[in-house]
Amino acid sequence: MLNRAGAARGKLLTARAMTTLTIRRPDDWHLHLRDGAMLKAVLPETARHFARAIIMPNLVPPVVTGDDAAAYRGRILEALPEGAAFEPLMTLYLTEKTDPEDVARAHAGGLIRAVKLYPAGATTNSASGVRDFDRIRPVLERMAEIGLPLCVHGEVTDAEVDIFDREKVFIDRVLEPLRERTPGLRVVMEHITTRDGVEYVRAGGPDIGATITTHHLVINRNHILAGGIRPHYYCLPVAKREIHRLALRAAATSGEDSFFLGTDSAPHVDAAKETACGCAGCFTATNTLSILAEVFEQDEALGTLEAFASLNGPAFYGLSPNDETITLSRGAPVDYPERIETGDGPVTVFDPGFPLHWRVTD
């Protein structure tokens, strides 16, 4: 469904050179904050520019119950810098033992905004995820009744399926049957990486949306593998061919309200990334808005950045957009730090591979 106002505004704004852009304060609809020392170090990087974020529950142990979510939310709020205005939107980690009524109570009390489905073994800390999808049907049916979205890590984990095909196979083998069996279930396909995902969401009606990450708009699989292995570009779902990256760019910049920003910013210390079996994840919280402005400018679509980053996500989740605004200004390249220091060790900031001329100035 086309956000016509956003698309029309985009054409108007990109018809002339721009040096400033003011948009509603954005939200991040897929964010990893971790816990402990890491939480304290990375939270300010998001809270600096974003008003709200959907917080991923794949801690160790995972955030499974309403009580877990309340405790984790408390730790996040305690770690916020003084004076920061940021709201964590909590989720629960779906397991085969999740209690549908606990989910309903957490939702009714305003504690959670979604439930997260990880196929077991699909990504970081997903060992407690789902293997038998029939066993979660009571939870999904209850969620459909109360209008609570299901956020999906959309990959199968079968060893015989090529890692570059796992998103497409998940759509055909898992997601489409799941949606057919659960009418009315609202689904967010998290961090889509393929043209197949874009097309599926476009054809899926009002009950499905998709987040797109910052880094998947920038990198394809060559960035990870060509000329040597670059661990700080390795993420899950893994970046795909260039045709898929271009499809993601077209979706993100289109103004269509099915697509919205979810950075999937995922901090890992360098020692865990730069090793024989490195962790998956790109840390983009620090420079996401500069990268997005550069990407949207490259595609002559600065006028749709607000829809992607600030409007479409709240609309899907039934929330109002933020009243506050931020202003980005174009000028000399921004000098972001190569890494941030945490109590657990340094975390490398995602390098898009090109200069960033846009910075948040207000």
Foldseek 3Di string as FASTA:
>chain_A
DFPVVLQVLLLVVLVDDDFKDKFFQFEAAAEEQAADQSNLFCLCLQLVGHQEYEYAQLYVVGQAFLVSLVVVQVRNVVSDDPPGRHHYAYEHEDALPRDLVRVVVCVVVRRHQAYEADAAPQAPNRPRHYDDVVSCLVNQQSCLVVVRAYEYAQFDDDPVDPLQCGNVCSVVPPVVVSCVVRPNHAYEDEQDAFLSVVVCLVPPPLRYAYEHALLSLQDAVCVQPPPHGDLLQFAPSHHHDPVRSVSVLCVLLRNHLRYAHHHQQDWDAPVQRPDPDHHHHHHASNCRVLSVCVSCSVVSRNSSNNSRGFNSVCVSSVHHTHPHMWMKGFDPFDDDDQWTATPVHITGHDDSPDTGGIDTDD
